[in-house]
C-alpha atoms as a PDB file:
ATOM      1  CA  MET A   1     -13.689 -11.214  86.058  1.00  0.00           C
ATOM      2  CA  LYS A   2     -16.845 -10.706  83.980  1.00  0.00           C
ATOM      3  CA  PHE A   3     -16.736  -9.350  80.448  1.00  0.00           C
ATOM      4  CA  ASN A   4     -19.534  -7.492  78.733  1.00  0.00           C
ATOM      5  CA  LYS A   5     -20.959  -8.714  75.428  1.00  0.00           C
ATOM      6  CA  GLU A   6     -19.304  -5.933  73.397  1.00  0.00           C
ATOM      7  CA  PHE A   7     -15.860  -6.896  74.648  1.00  0.00           C
ATOM      8  CA  LYS A   8     -16.451 -10.603  73.968  1.00  0.00           C
ATOM      9  CA  ASP A   9     -17.638  -9.861  70.454  1.00  0.00           C
ATOM     10  CA  ALA A  10     -14.613  -7.640  69.794  1.00  0.00           C
ATOM     11  CA  VAL A  11     -12.202 -10.373  70.913  1.00  0.00           C
ATOM     12  CA  LEU A  12     -13.965 -13.011  68.827  1.00  0.00           C
ATOM     13  CA  GLN A  13     -13.620 -10.795  65.765  1.00  0.00           C
ATOM     14  CA  LEU A  14      -9.842 -10.702  66.035  1.00  0.00           C
ATOM     15  CA  SER A  15      -7.926 -12.619  63.381  1.00  0.00           C
ATOM     16  CA  GLN A  16      -6.625 -16.084  64.312  1.00  0.00           C
ATOM     17  CA  THR A  17      -3.069 -14.761  64.273  1.00  0.00           C
ATOM     18  CA  GLU A  18      -3.977 -11.974  66.712  1.00  0.00           C
ATOM     19  CA  LYS A  19      -5.804 -14.433  68.968  1.00  0.00           C
ATOM     20  CA  ASP A  20      -2.821 -16.795  69.020  1.00  0.00           C
ATOM     21  CA  LYS A  21      -0.443 -13.971  69.872  1.00  0.00           C
ATOM     22  CA  LEU A  22      -2.736 -12.678  72.613  1.00  0.00           C
ATOM     23  CA  LEU A  23      -3.158 -16.161  74.091  1.00  0.00           C
ATOM     24  CA  LEU A  24       0.594 -16.707  74.342  1.00  0.00           C
ATOM     25  CA  GLN A  25       1.041 -13.303  75.962  1.00  0.00           C
ATOM     26  CA  LEU A  26      -1.612 -14.139  78.567  1.00  0.00           C
ATOM     27  CA  LEU A  27      -0.093 -17.547  79.284  1.00  0.00           C
ATOM     28  CA  LYS A  28       3.297 -15.947  79.972  1.00  0.00           C
ATOM     29  CA  LYS A  29       1.682 -13.778  82.651  1.00  0.00           C
ATOM     30  CA  ASP A  30      -0.422 -16.522  84.286  1.00  0.00           C
ATOM     31  CA  ALA A  31       1.705 -19.421  85.515  1.00  0.00           C
ATOM     32  CA  VAL A  32      -1.267 -21.372  86.897  1.00  0.00           C
ATOM     33  CA  LEU A  33      -3.264 -21.121  83.668  1.00  0.00           C
ATOM     34  CA  SER A  34      -0.181 -22.097  81.665  1.00  0.00           C
ATOM     35  CA  SER A  35       0.445 -25.135  83.894  1.00  0.00           C
ATOM     36  CA  LYS A  36      -3.228 -26.083  83.746  1.00  0.00           C
ATOM     37  CA  LEU A  37      -3.169 -26.135  79.949  1.00  0.00           C
ATOM     38  CA  GLN A  38       0.069 -28.106  79.892  1.00  0.00           C
ATOM     39  CA  PHE A  39      -1.486 -30.658  82.262  1.00  0.00           C
ATOM     40  CA  GLU A  40      -4.659 -30.957  80.194  1.00  0.00           C
ATOM     41  CA  LEU A  41      -2.960 -31.040  76.797  1.00  0.00           C
ATOM     42  CA  LEU A  42       0.432 -32.667  77.299  1.00  0.00           C
ATOM     43  CA  ASP A  43       0.856 -34.286  80.711  1.00  0.00           C
ATOM     44  CA  ASP A  44       0.808 -38.085  80.665  1.00  0.00           C
ATOM     45  CA  LYS A  45       0.175 -38.309  84.434  1.00  0.00           C
ATOM     46  CA  SER A  46      -3.316 -38.732  85.859  1.00  0.00           C
ATOM     47  CA  VAL A  47      -4.695 -36.559  88.669  1.00  0.00           C
ATOM     48  CA  ASP A  48      -3.997 -39.372  91.146  1.00  0.00           C
ATOM     49  CA  GLU A  49      -0.421 -39.677  89.952  1.00  0.00           C
ATOM     50  CA  ARG A  50       0.093 -35.933  90.250  1.00  0.00           C
ATOM     51  CA  GLN A  51      -1.349 -36.121  93.770  1.00  0.00           C
ATOM     52  CA  LEU A  52       1.204 -38.770  94.720  1.00  0.00           C
ATOM     53  CA  VAL A  53       3.994 -36.586  93.373  1.00  0.00           C
ATOM     54  CA  MET A  54       2.710 -33.632  95.405  1.00  0.00           C
ATOM     55  CA  GLU A  55       2.430 -35.781  98.538  1.00  0.00           C
ATOM     56  CA  LYS A  56       6.080 -36.814  98.189  1.00  0.00           C
ATOM     57  CA  THR A  57       7.069 -33.188  97.588  1.00  0.00           C
ATOM     58  CA  ILE A  58       5.310 -32.129 100.801  1.00  0.00           C
ATOM     59  CA  LYS A  59       7.003 -34.838 102.863  1.00  0.00           C
ATOM     60  CA  ASP A  60      10.406 -34.095 101.357  1.00  0.00           C
ATOM     61  CA  LYS A  61      10.062 -30.383 102.081  1.00  0.00           C
ATOM     62  CA  ILE A  62       9.028 -30.943 105.696  1.00  0.00           C
ATOM     63  CA  ALA A  63      11.947 -33.330 106.179  1.00  0.00           C
ATOM     64  CA  TYR A  64      14.219 -30.617 104.769  1.00  0.00           C
ATOM     65  CA  PHE A  65      12.740 -27.984 107.104  1.00  0.00           C
ATOM     66  CA  SER A  66      13.667 -30.209 110.035  1.00  0.00           C
ATOM     67  CA  THR A  67      17.347 -29.939 109.131  1.00  0.00           C
ATOM     68  CA  LYS A  68      17.273 -26.170 109.653  1.00  0.00           C
ATOM     69  CA  ARG A  69      17.445 -24.239 112.886  1.00  0.00           C
ATOM     70  CA  TYR A  70      13.915 -24.354 114.285  1.00  0.00           C
ATOM     71  CA  SER A  71      11.720 -21.408 115.141  1.00  0.00           C
ATOM     72  CA  PRO A  72       7.909 -21.174 114.915  1.00  0.00           C
ATOM     73  CA  SER A  73       8.140 -18.133 112.617  1.00  0.00           C
ATOM     74  CA  TYR A  74      10.530 -19.945 110.245  1.00  0.00           C
ATOM     75  CA  LEU A  75       8.285 -23.005 110.102  1.00  0.00           C
ATOM     76  CA  LEU A  76       5.153 -20.900 109.539  1.00  0.00           C
ATOM     77  CA  LYS A  77       6.788 -19.116 106.610  1.00  0.00           C
ATOM     78  CA  ARG A  78       7.852 -22.414 105.040  1.00  0.00           C
ATOM     79  CA  LEU A  79       4.418 -24.013 105.534  1.00  0.00           C
ATOM     80  CA  ARG A  80       2.764 -21.115 103.768  1.00  0.00           C
ATOM     81  CA  SER A  81       4.993 -21.785 100.772  1.00  0.00           C
ATOM     82  CA  VAL A  82       3.943 -25.456 100.810  1.00  0.00           C
ATOM     83  CA  SER A  83       0.292 -24.412 101.056  1.00  0.00           C
ATOM     84  CA  THR A  84       0.778 -22.284  97.942  1.00  0.00           C
ATOM     85  CA  LEU A  85       2.033 -25.372  96.078  1.00  0.00           C
ATOM     86  CA  ILE A  86      -1.032 -27.348  97.166  1.00  0.00           C
ATOM     87  CA  THR A  87      -3.362 -24.572  96.032  1.00  0.00           C
ATOM     88  CA  ALA A  88      -1.654 -24.455  92.633  1.00  0.00           C
ATOM     89  CA  HIS A  89      -1.895 -28.257  92.301  1.00  0.00           C
ATOM     90  CA  VAL A  90      -5.640 -28.148  93.005  1.00  0.00           C
ATOM     91  CA  LYS A  91      -6.229 -25.337  90.504  1.00  0.00           C
ATOM     92  CA  ILE A  92      -4.166 -27.037  87.809  1.00  0.00           C
ATOM     93  CA  THR A  93      -5.590 -30.555  88.194  1.00  0.00           C
ATOM     94  CA  LYS A  94      -9.032 -29.804  89.712  1.00  0.00           C
ATOM     95  CA  ASP A  95      -8.123 -32.355  92.391  1.00  0.00           C
ATOM     96  CA  LYS A  96     -10.946 -31.677  94.862  1.00  0.00           C
ATOM     97  CA  LEU A  97     -10.147 -34.766  96.939  1.00  0.00           C
ATOM     98  CA  GLY A  98      -6.482 -33.779  97.022  1.00  0.00           C
ATOM     99  CA  ASP A  99      -7.219 -30.357  98.529  1.00  0.00           C
ATOM    100  CA  SER A 100      -8.218 -31.822 101.900  1.00  0.00           C
ATOM    101  CA  TYR A 101      -5.945 -34.854 101.637  1.00  0.00           C
ATOM    102  CA  LEU A 102      -2.746 -32.952 100.860  1.00  0.00           C
ATOM    103  CA  ASN A 103      -3.388 -30.331 103.532  1.00  0.00           C
ATOM    104  CA  LEU A 104      -3.917 -33.156 106.015  1.00  0.00           C
ATOM    105  CA  VAL A 105      -0.605 -34.663 104.930  1.00  0.00           C
ATOM    106  CA  MET A 106       1.093 -31.316 105.478  1.00  0.00           C
ATOM    107  CA  LEU A 107      -0.384 -30.885 108.964  1.00  0.00           C
ATOM    108  CA  THR A 108       0.243 -34.426 110.179  1.00  0.00           C
ATOM    109  CA  GLU A 109       3.782 -34.630 108.809  1.00  0.00           C
ATOM    110  CA  THR A 110       4.672 -31.241 110.278  1.00  0.00           C
ATOM    111  CA  LEU A 111       3.331 -31.948 113.747  1.00  0.00           C
ATOM    112  CA  ASP A 112       4.790 -35.449 113.743  1.00  0.00           C
ATOM    113  CA  THR A 113       8.182 -33.931 112.946  1.00  0.00           C
ATOM    114  CA  PHE A 114       8.050 -30.760 115.062  1.00  0.00           C
ATOM    115  CA  ASN A 115       5.713 -31.533 117.984  1.00  0.00           C
ATOM    116  CA  THR A 116       8.535 -31.959 120.489  1.00  0.00           C
ATOM    117  CA  LYS A 117      10.187 -28.694 119.448  1.00  0.00           C
ATOM    118  CA  LEU A 118       6.855 -26.876 119.452  1.00  0.00           C
ATOM    119  CA  GLU A 119       6.178 -28.121 123.000  1.00  0.00           C
ATOM    120  CA  LYS A 120       9.357 -26.425 124.192  1.00  0.00           C
ATOM    121  CA  THR A 121       8.380 -22.968 122.936  1.00  0.00           C
ATOM    122  CA  THR A 122       6.466 -20.400 124.978  1.00  0.00           C
ATOM    123  CA  PRO A 123       2.722 -19.811 124.411  1.00  0.00           C
ATOM    124  CA  GLY A 124       3.531 -16.462 122.822  1.00  0.00           C
ATOM    125  CA  GLN A 125       6.063 -17.955 120.425  1.00  0.00           C
ATOM    126  CA  SER A 126       3.762 -20.783 119.393  1.00  0.00           C
ATOM    127  CA  ARG A 127       0.497 -18.821 119.043  1.00  0.00           C
ATOM    128  CA  LYS A 128       0.674 -17.790 115.376  1.00  0.00           C
ATOM    129  CA  LEU A 129       1.815 -21.242 114.283  1.00  0.00           C
ATOM    130  CA  GLY A 130      -0.885 -22.886 116.404  1.00  0.00           C
ATOM    131  CA  ILE A 131      -3.578 -20.672 114.924  1.00  0.00           C
ATOM    132  CA  TYR A 132      -2.328 -21.574 111.444  1.00  0.00           C
ATOM    133  CA  PHE A 133      -2.739 -25.284 112.269  1.00  0.00           C
ATOM    134  CA  VAL A 134      -6.231 -24.762 113.712  1.00  0.00           C
ATOM    135  CA  SER A 135      -7.349 -22.627 110.745  1.00  0.00           C
ATOM    136  CA  LYS A 136      -6.072 -25.272 108.328  1.00  0.00           C
ATOM    137  CA  ALA A 137      -7.804 -28.024 110.294  1.00  0.00           C
ATOM    138  CA  PHE A 138     -11.094 -26.114 110.094  1.00  0.00           C
ATOM    139  CA  LYS A 139     -10.698 -25.732 106.312  1.00  0.00           C
ATOM    140  CA  VAL A 140      -9.820 -29.414 105.896  1.00  0.00           C
ATOM    141  CA  LEU A 141     -12.991 -30.444 107.728  1.00  0.00           C
ATOM    142  CA  ILE A 142     -15.077 -28.006 105.676  1.00  0.00           C
ATOM    143  CA  GLY A 143     -13.553 -29.413 102.490  1.00  0.00           C
ATOM    144  CA  ILE A 144     -14.320 -32.996 103.511  1.00  0.00           C
ATOM    145  CA  THR A 145     -17.997 -32.198 104.159  1.00  0.00           C
ATOM    146  CA  LYS A 146     -18.269 -30.998 100.561  1.00  0.00           C
ATOM    147  CA  LEU A 147     -17.019 -34.313  99.175  1.00  0.00           C
ATOM    148  CA  HIS A 148     -19.219 -37.300  98.403  1.00  0.00           C
ATOM    149  CA  GLU A 149     -19.598 -39.575 101.445  1.00  0.00           C
ATOM    150  CA  ASP A 150     -17.709 -42.341  99.636  1.00  0.00           C
ATOM    151  CA  TYR A 151     -14.535 -40.248  99.973  1.00  0.00           C
ATOM    152  CA  HIS A 152     -14.839 -39.527 103.689  1.00  0.00           C
ATOM    153  CA  LEU A 153     -13.233 -42.818 104.720  1.00  0.00           C
ATOM    154  CA  GLU A 154     -10.104 -41.940 102.762  1.00  0.00           C
ATOM    155  CA  HIS A 155      -9.445 -39.164 105.284  1.00  0.00           C
ATOM    156  CA  LYS A 156     -10.265 -41.136 108.436  1.00  0.00           C
ATOM    157  CA  GLU A 157      -6.738 -42.342 109.260  1.00  0.00           C
ATOM    158  CA  ASN A 158      -5.115 -38.933 108.792  1.00  0.00           C
ATOM    159  CA  LEU A 159      -7.878 -37.164 110.732  1.00  0.00           C
ATOM    160  CA  GLU A 160      -7.401 -39.494 113.693  1.00  0.00           C
ATOM    161  CA  ARG A 161      -3.645 -39.076 113.467  1.00  0.00           C
ATOM    162  CA  LEU A 162      -3.944 -35.288 113.412  1.00  0.00           C
ATOM    163  CA  GLY A 163      -6.311 -35.376 116.392  1.00  0.00           C
ATOM    164  CA  LYS A 164      -3.833 -37.399 118.428  1.00  0.00           C
ATOM    165  CA  LEU A 165      -1.010 -35.020 117.481  1.00  0.00           C
ATOM    166  CA  PHE A 166      -3.121 -32.025 118.547  1.00  0.00           C
ATOM    167  CA  SER A 167      -3.996 -33.799 121.811  1.00  0.00           C
ATOM    168  CA  SER A 168      -0.373 -34.589 122.634  1.00  0.00           C
ATOM    169  CA  ASN A 169       0.706 -30.943 122.443  1.00  0.00           C
ATOM    170  CA  LYS A 170      -0.235 -28.545 125.238  1.00  0.00           C
ATOM    171  CA  HIS A 171      -0.006 -25.528 122.940  1.00  0.00           C
ATOM    172  CA  MET A 172      -2.317 -27.096 120.364  1.00  0.00           C
ATOM    173  CA  ILE A 173      -4.839 -28.063 123.052  1.00  0.00           C
ATOM    174  CA  ARG A 174      -4.877 -24.517 124.374  1.00  0.00           C
ATOM    175  CA  THR A 175      -4.979 -22.852 120.942  1.00  0.00           C
ATOM    176  CA  SER A 176      -7.815 -25.139 119.815  1.00  0.00           C
ATOM    177  CA  LYS A 177      -9.879 -24.268 122.893  1.00  0.00           C
ATOM    178  CA  GLN A 178      -9.111 -20.564 122.586  1.00  0.00           C
ATOM    179  CA  ASN A 179     -10.376 -20.553 119.000  1.00  0.00           C
ATOM    180  CA  GLY A 180     -13.447 -22.772 119.206  1.00  0.00           C
ATOM    181  CA  PHE A 181     -11.994 -25.900 117.620  1.00  0.00           C
ATOM    182  CA  ASP A 182     -12.992 -29.253 119.145  1.00  0.00           C
ATOM    183  CA  ILE A 183     -10.134 -31.757 118.745  1.00  0.00           C
ATOM    184  CA  ASN A 184     -12.662 -34.583 119.114  1.00  0.00           C
ATOM    185  CA  TRP A 185     -13.949 -33.723 115.634  1.00  0.00           C
ATOM    186  CA  LEU A 186     -10.635 -35.100 114.377  1.00  0.00           C
ATOM    187  CA  ILE A 187     -10.238 -38.053 116.728  1.00  0.00           C
ATOM    188  CA  SER A 188     -13.807 -39.329 116.260  1.00  0.00           C
ATOM    189  CA  THR A 189     -13.910 -38.222 112.590  1.00  0.00           C
ATOM    190  CA  GLU A 190     -17.433 -36.992 113.335  1.00  0.00           C
ATOM    191  CA  ILE A 191     -17.600 -33.633 111.603  1.00  0.00           C
ATOM    192  CA  PRO A 192     -20.531 -31.344 112.457  1.00  0.00           C
ATOM    193  CA  GLU A 193     -22.793 -30.772 109.483  1.00  0.00           C
ATOM    194  CA  ASN A 194     -22.624 -27.037 110.172  1.00  0.00           C
ATOM    195  CA  ILE A 195     -18.821 -26.915 110.475  1.00  0.00           C
ATOM    196  CA  GLU A 196     -18.604 -24.179 107.841  1.00  0.00           C
ATOM    197  CA  GLU A 197     -21.118 -22.012 109.741  1.00  0.00           C
ATOM    198  CA  ILE A 198     -19.170 -22.618 112.981  1.00  0.00           C
ATOM    199  CA  TYR A 199     -15.966 -21.490 111.277  1.00  0.00           C
ATOM    200  CA  LYS A 200     -17.550 -18.389 109.743  1.00  0.00           C
ATOM    201  CA  GLU A 201     -19.101 -17.362 113.053  1.00  0.00           C
ATOM    202  CA  ILE A 202     -15.795 -17.759 114.888  1.00  0.00           C
ATOM    203  CA  LYS A 203     -14.031 -15.679 112.231  1.00  0.00           C
ATOM    204  CA  LYS A 204     -16.818 -13.093 112.341  1.00  0.00           C
ATOM    205  CA  GLN A 205     -16.305 -12.673 116.074  1.00  0.00           C
ATOM    206  CA  GLY A 206     -12.610 -11.985 115.539  1.00  0.00           C
ATOM    207  CA  TYR A 207     -11.156 -15.312 116.641  1.00  0.00           C
ATOM    208  CA  LEU A 208      -8.430 -17.291 114.856  1.00  0.00           C
ATOM    209  CA  MET A 209      -6.317 -14.171 115.205  1.00  0.00           C
ATOM    210  CA  SER A 210      -3.001 -14.029 117.066  1.00  0.00           C
ATOM    211  CA  LYS A 211      -4.317 -11.774 119.851  1.00  0.00           C
ATOM    212  CA  THR A 212      -7.912 -12.959 120.242  1.00  0.00           C
ATOM    213  CA  TYR A 213      -9.216 -16.121 121.898  1.00  0.00           C
ATOM    214  CA  LEU A 214     -12.281 -17.676 123.483  1.00  0.00           C
ATOM    215  CA  SER A 215     -12.508 -18.067 127.234  1.00  0.00           C
ATOM    216  CA  THR A 216     -12.903 -21.629 128.547  1.00  0.00           C
ATOM    217  CA  THR A 217     -16.556 -20.905 129.371  1.00  0.00           C
ATOM    218  CA  ASP A 218     -17.280 -19.605 125.857  1.00  0.00           C
ATOM    219  CA  TYR A 219     -15.498 -22.610 124.328  1.00  0.00           C
ATOM    220  CA  ASN A 220     -17.510 -25.128 126.370  1.00  0.00           C
ATOM    221  CA  SER A 221     -20.804 -23.406 125.541  1.00  0.00           C
ATOM    222  CA  ARG A 222     -19.952 -23.330 121.824  1.00  0.00           C
ATOM    223  CA  ILE A 223     -19.150 -27.023 121.379  1.00  0.00           C
ATOM    224  CA  ASN A 224     -21.827 -28.432 123.720  1.00  0.00           C
END
């Protein structure tokens, strides 16, 4: 949100007591901003340490999900809640490396745990969950391309692992093809320089939706 000069000047002219009161009121209404300030002012953990804590949280949650009665819709709902935690972590700590890394952890741990169950569902039951995985994989690759090259190797193992998990699941193979995602980008860890443009174009054409998909011919022409 942008503020005009008159508003800024008016706020700056408030007494210190009024400013303090206003700040506390705003912090009560913005959990992310409040947590960000606590991290910056009081937390004794580094960004890397907070990332390790979040990684453990993700793995623990996915292990817990596996103890519940499985359904693709249940798992999708739970993964969205985990994704919200990752987003908050990134905003609070400014952990740019962790954005891609933690989402990769979530995807690989989930598929490693649920691949067999996902294989047993029908294409219709698995479609929304599959599209969620593919959309996340696109965003992970886009995020990696925006990092310095020195950090790319840190994602190599998890990218290869995710590619193999995609390749071992018939639903993920089909959903990837139907939505213009080349699994070899993961397995080879060779990400197209224009991956973000590819993603935007696919979204623009209405793909990565539960009822829209590329034909095999369109898929082959897009990635070749």
